[in-house]
Amino acid sequence: SENGTRHLIVQWRIEMDLENANQVGPAAIEEILSWVRREYGHGACCVWSTDIEVISPKEFPKKWQEEDTILGDFLRTATDGRKSLGKNINLKPIIESETPGSPMWHSLLVNEEPAALNAMLDRSTLLGVDMLRGHKVDLLAPTRRFGGIKS
């Protein structure tokens, strides 16, 4: 109503309590998005919701980090990477060997800005947590699966 008759296109960014996220159920994010679309996606000034992005928490549950598992090792490594602001992360050799293309294309894929590295590390950590916890909650919209693989 603050925008008069202007329509809005919105991508929601939310923080989630990951320790209890699997109690909510993996379909919760999609259900919320469907509800928001039904409630606010029509009328004189509607809000078209495109997606809900789960923001990676700055800290994952301590009990996960203390586990003597691959997940625990992964989270400890990710925490160390975050503390060093991604300075110890060098993706250039991986991109050059795994990605076809010219050196110019490779240079575009390697972004060494601290903010970009931290954002990439956050998303990678969230994806790793999802995979190592058995896809109990698929937190990344591009790979989100609810009851099967997204087609």
C-alpha atoms as a PDB file:
ATOM      1  CA  SER A   1       0.000   0.000   0.000  1.00  0.00           C
ATOM      2  CA  GLU A   2       2.982   2.346   0.482  1.00  0.00           C
ATOM      3  CA  ASN A   3       3.739   2.102  -3.246  1.00  0.00           C
ATOM      4  CA  GLY A   4       0.291   3.210  -4.398  1.00  0.00           C
ATOM      5  CA  THR A   5      -0.550   1.306  -7.554  1.00  0.00           C
ATOM      6  CA  ARG A   6       2.997   0.209  -8.380  1.00  0.00           C
ATOM      7  CA  HIS A   7       3.617  -3.488  -8.628  1.00  0.00           C
ATOM      8  CA  LEU A   8       6.697  -4.907  -6.910  1.00  0.00           C
ATOM      9  CA  ILE A   9       8.929  -7.821  -7.842  1.00  0.00           C
ATOM     10  CA  VAL A  10      10.520  -9.232  -4.702  1.00  0.00           C
ATOM     11  CA  GLN A  11      13.108 -11.834  -3.830  1.00  0.00           C
ATOM     12  CA  TRP A  12      12.857 -12.595  -0.127  1.00  0.00           C
ATOM     13  CA  ARG A  13      16.049 -13.124   1.884  1.00  0.00           C
ATOM     14  CA  ILE A  14      15.547 -14.914   5.187  1.00  0.00           C
ATOM     15  CA  GLU A  15      17.650 -16.229   8.011  1.00  0.00           C
ATOM     16  CA  MET A  16      16.732 -19.646   9.317  1.00  0.00           C
ATOM     17  CA  ASP A  17      17.506 -21.512  12.511  1.00  0.00           C
ATOM     18  CA  LEU A  18      19.296 -24.398  10.799  1.00  0.00           C
ATOM     19  CA  GLU A  19      19.455 -26.552  13.913  1.00  0.00           C
ATOM     20  CA  ASN A  20      15.664 -26.862  13.899  1.00  0.00           C
ATOM     21  CA  ALA A  21      15.119 -26.434  10.152  1.00  0.00           C
ATOM     22  CA  ASN A  22      14.465 -30.124   9.559  1.00  0.00           C
ATOM     23  CA  GLN A  23      11.612 -29.999  12.088  1.00  0.00           C
ATOM     24  CA  VAL A  24       9.863 -27.462   9.873  1.00  0.00           C
ATOM     25  CA  GLY A  25      10.077 -29.848   6.943  1.00  0.00           C
ATOM     26  CA  PRO A  26      11.809 -29.468   3.603  1.00  0.00           C
ATOM     27  CA  ALA A  27       8.713 -28.139   1.829  1.00  0.00           C
ATOM     28  CA  ALA A  28       8.326 -25.183   4.189  1.00  0.00           C
ATOM     29  CA  ILE A  29      10.155 -22.650   2.032  1.00  0.00           C
ATOM     30  CA  GLU A  30       8.186 -23.570  -1.076  1.00  0.00           C
ATOM     31  CA  GLU A  31       4.923 -23.527   0.885  1.00  0.00           C
ATOM     32  CA  ILE A  32       5.684 -20.056   2.246  1.00  0.00           C
ATOM     33  CA  LEU A  33       6.523 -18.813  -1.245  1.00  0.00           C
ATOM     34  CA  SER A  34       3.254 -20.230  -2.612  1.00  0.00           C
ATOM     35  CA  TRP A  35       1.291 -18.603   0.220  1.00  0.00           C
ATOM     36  CA  VAL A  36       2.942 -15.202  -0.319  1.00  0.00           C
ATOM     37  CA  ARG A  37       2.194 -15.437  -4.045  1.00  0.00           C
ATOM     38  CA  ARG A  38      -1.480 -16.287  -3.386  1.00  0.00           C
ATOM     39  CA  GLU A  39      -1.978 -13.597  -0.746  1.00  0.00           C
ATOM     40  CA  TYR A  40      -0.115 -10.678  -2.292  1.00  0.00           C
ATOM     41  CA  GLY A  41       0.360 -11.557  -5.972  1.00  0.00           C
ATOM     42  CA  HIS A  42      -2.787  -9.855  -7.269  1.00  0.00           C
ATOM     43  CA  GLY A  43      -4.756  -6.650  -6.853  1.00  0.00           C
ATOM     44  CA  ALA A  44      -4.131  -2.942  -7.383  1.00  0.00           C
ATOM     45  CA  CYS A  45      -0.599  -3.016  -5.959  1.00  0.00           C
ATOM     46  CA  CYS A  46       0.637  -6.568  -5.954  1.00  0.00           C
ATOM     47  CA  VAL A  47       3.908  -8.065  -4.821  1.00  0.00           C
ATOM     48  CA  TRP A  48       5.237 -10.699  -7.185  1.00  0.00           C
ATOM     49  CA  SER A  49       7.532 -12.956  -5.212  1.00  0.00           C
ATOM     50  CA  THR A  50      10.196 -14.608  -7.346  1.00  0.00           C
ATOM     51  CA  ASP A  51      12.080 -16.622  -4.756  1.00  0.00           C
ATOM     52  CA  ILE A  52      13.038 -17.075  -1.141  1.00  0.00           C
ATOM     53  CA  GLU A  53      16.782 -17.121  -0.542  1.00  0.00           C
ATOM     54  CA  VAL A  54      18.051 -18.577   2.711  1.00  0.00           C
ATOM     55  CA  ILE A  55      20.946 -16.480   3.989  1.00  0.00           C
ATOM     56  CA  SER A  56      23.844 -18.495   5.290  1.00  0.00           C
ATOM     57  CA  PRO A  57      24.216 -17.984   9.030  1.00  0.00           C
ATOM     58  CA  LYS A  58      27.498 -16.542  10.254  1.00  0.00           C
ATOM     59  CA  GLU A  59      27.754 -19.476  12.622  1.00  0.00           C
ATOM     60  CA  PHE A  60      26.373 -22.982  12.344  1.00  0.00           C
ATOM     61  CA  PRO A  61      25.236 -24.938  15.411  1.00  0.00           C
ATOM     62  CA  LYS A  62      28.185 -25.706  17.701  1.00  0.00           C
ATOM     63  CA  LYS A  63      27.179 -29.352  18.054  1.00  0.00           C
ATOM     64  CA  TRP A  64      27.487 -29.771  14.270  1.00  0.00           C
ATOM     65  CA  GLN A  65      30.974 -28.224  14.296  1.00  0.00           C
ATOM     66  CA  GLU A  66      32.088 -30.421  17.178  1.00  0.00           C
ATOM     67  CA  GLU A  67      30.957 -33.658  15.507  1.00  0.00           C
ATOM     68  CA  ASP A  68      33.688 -36.147  14.618  1.00  0.00           C
ATOM     69  CA  THR A  69      32.219 -36.485  11.125  1.00  0.00           C
ATOM     70  CA  ILE A  70      32.831 -35.178   7.630  1.00  0.00           C
ATOM     71  CA  LEU A  71      30.226 -32.480   8.380  1.00  0.00           C
ATOM     72  CA  GLY A  72      32.179 -31.375  11.461  1.00  0.00           C
ATOM     73  CA  ASP A  73      35.460 -31.309   9.511  1.00  0.00           C
ATOM     74  CA  PHE A  74      33.773 -29.401   6.680  1.00  0.00           C
ATOM     75  CA  LEU A  75      32.311 -26.774   9.023  1.00  0.00           C
ATOM     76  CA  ARG A  76      35.612 -26.288  10.844  1.00  0.00           C
ATOM     77  CA  THR A  77      37.382 -25.779   7.498  1.00  0.00           C
ATOM     78  CA  ALA A  78      34.672 -23.365   6.312  1.00  0.00           C
ATOM     79  CA  THR A  79      34.953 -21.415   9.580  1.00  0.00           C
ATOM     80  CA  ASP A  80      38.726 -21.143   9.138  1.00  0.00           C
ATOM     81  CA  GLY A  81      38.189 -19.928   5.561  1.00  0.00           C
ATOM     82  CA  ARG A  82      35.705 -17.333   6.740  1.00  0.00           C
ATOM     83  CA  LYS A  83      38.078 -16.108   9.478  1.00  0.00           C
ATOM     84  CA  SER A  84      40.877 -15.659   6.926  1.00  0.00           C
ATOM     85  CA  LEU A  85      38.400 -13.797   4.666  1.00  0.00           C
ATOM     86  CA  GLY A  86      38.950 -16.372   1.938  1.00  0.00           C
ATOM     87  CA  LYS A  87      42.645 -15.515   1.539  1.00  0.00           C
ATOM     88  CA  ASN A  88      43.601 -19.201   1.585  1.00  0.00           C
ATOM     89  CA  ILE A  89      41.132 -20.057  -1.169  1.00  0.00           C
ATOM     90  CA  ASN A  90      42.601 -20.297  -4.657  1.00  0.00           C
ATOM     91  CA  LEU A  91      40.065 -21.386  -7.252  1.00  0.00           C
ATOM     92  CA  LYS A  92      42.149 -20.455 -10.277  1.00  0.00           C
ATOM     93  CA  PRO A  93      43.799 -23.903 -10.795  1.00  0.00           C
ATOM     94  CA  ILE A  94      40.441 -25.671 -10.423  1.00  0.00           C
ATOM     95  CA  ILE A  95      38.675 -23.349 -12.846  1.00  0.00           C
ATOM     96  CA  GLU A  96      41.491 -23.576 -15.400  1.00  0.00           C
ATOM     97  CA  SER A  97      41.570 -27.373 -15.348  1.00  0.00           C
ATOM     98  CA  GLU A  98      37.831 -28.082 -15.018  1.00  0.00           C
ATOM     99  CA  THR A  99      36.235 -25.326 -17.101  1.00  0.00           C
ATOM    100  CA  PRO A 100      36.660 -25.207 -20.871  1.00  0.00           C
ATOM    101  CA  GLY A 101      37.259 -21.788 -22.339  1.00  0.00           C
ATOM    102  CA  SER A 102      39.811 -19.105 -22.924  1.00  0.00           C
ATOM    103  CA  PRO A 103      42.022 -17.467 -20.289  1.00  0.00           C
ATOM    104  CA  MET A 104      39.787 -14.390 -20.561  1.00  0.00           C
ATOM    105  CA  TRP A 105      36.736 -16.512 -19.657  1.00  0.00           C
ATOM    106  CA  HIS A 106      38.645 -18.031 -16.731  1.00  0.00           C
ATOM    107  CA  SER A 107      39.571 -14.582 -15.421  1.00  0.00           C
ATOM    108  CA  LEU A 108      35.881 -13.649 -15.359  1.00  0.00           C
ATOM    109  CA  LEU A 109      35.067 -16.715 -13.241  1.00  0.00           C
ATOM    110  CA  VAL A 110      37.748 -15.965 -10.663  1.00  0.00           C
ATOM    111  CA  ASN A 111      36.587 -13.051  -8.550  1.00  0.00           C
ATOM    112  CA  GLU A 112      39.113 -12.217  -5.869  1.00  0.00           C
ATOM    113  CA  GLU A 113      37.182  -9.414  -4.193  1.00  0.00           C
ATOM    114  CA  PRO A 114      36.738 -10.202  -0.472  1.00  0.00           C
ATOM    115  CA  ALA A 115      32.961  -9.619  -0.554  1.00  0.00           C
ATOM    116  CA  ALA A 116      32.539 -11.942  -3.542  1.00  0.00           C
ATOM    117  CA  LEU A 117      34.757 -14.617  -1.974  1.00  0.00           C
ATOM    118  CA  ASN A 118      32.810 -14.455   1.294  1.00  0.00           C
ATOM    119  CA  ALA A 119      29.463 -14.686  -0.520  1.00  0.00           C
ATOM    120  CA  MET A 120      30.735 -17.675  -2.496  1.00  0.00           C
ATOM    121  CA  LEU A 121      32.049 -19.318   0.674  1.00  0.00           C
ATOM    122  CA  ASP A 122      28.707 -18.730   2.425  1.00  0.00           C
ATOM    123  CA  ARG A 123      26.717 -20.331  -0.414  1.00  0.00           C
ATOM    124  CA  SER A 124      29.204 -23.197  -0.721  1.00  0.00           C
ATOM    125  CA  THR A 125      29.030 -23.838   3.011  1.00  0.00           C
ATOM    126  CA  LEU A 126      25.231 -23.859   2.919  1.00  0.00           C
ATOM    127  CA  LEU A 127      25.265 -26.309  -0.005  1.00  0.00           C
ATOM    128  CA  GLY A 128      27.836 -28.505   1.759  1.00  0.00           C
ATOM    129  CA  VAL A 129      25.775 -28.565   4.958  1.00  0.00           C
ATOM    130  CA  ASP A 130      22.697 -29.513   2.969  1.00  0.00           C
ATOM    131  CA  MET A 131      24.487 -32.358   1.193  1.00  0.00           C
ATOM    132  CA  LEU A 132      26.279 -33.665   4.282  1.00  0.00           C
ATOM    133  CA  ARG A 133      23.074 -33.645   6.340  1.00  0.00           C
ATOM    134  CA  GLY A 134      21.361 -35.819   3.741  1.00  0.00           C
ATOM    135  CA  HIS A 135      19.236 -33.121   2.059  1.00  0.00           C
ATOM    136  CA  LYS A 136      16.994 -32.857   5.103  1.00  0.00           C
ATOM    137  CA  VAL A 137      16.441 -29.246   4.103  1.00  0.00           C
ATOM    138  CA  ASP A 138      17.576 -28.073   0.670  1.00  0.00           C
ATOM    139  CA  LEU A 139      18.439 -24.471   1.350  1.00  0.00           C
ATOM    140  CA  LEU A 140      19.621 -23.257  -2.038  1.00  0.00           C
ATOM    141  CA  ALA A 141      16.860 -22.326  -4.452  1.00  0.00           C
ATOM    142  CA  PRO A 142      18.655 -23.464  -7.647  1.00  0.00           C
ATOM    143  CA  THR A 143      19.022 -26.981  -6.248  1.00  0.00           C
ATOM    144  CA  ARG A 144      15.899 -27.072  -4.099  1.00  0.00           C
ATOM    145  CA  ARG A 145      14.170 -30.439  -4.161  1.00  0.00           C
ATOM    146  CA  PHE A 146      10.835 -31.091  -2.524  1.00  0.00           C
ATOM    147  CA  GLY A 147       9.684 -34.646  -3.025  1.00  0.00           C
ATOM    148  CA  GLY A 148      12.020 -35.212  -5.958  1.00  0.00           C
ATOM    149  CA  ILE A 149      14.467 -33.562  -8.267  1.00  0.00           C
ATOM    150  CA  LYS A 150      13.439 -30.166  -9.575  1.00  0.00           C
ATOM    151  CA  SER A 151      12.964 -30.318 -13.312  1.00  0.00           C
END
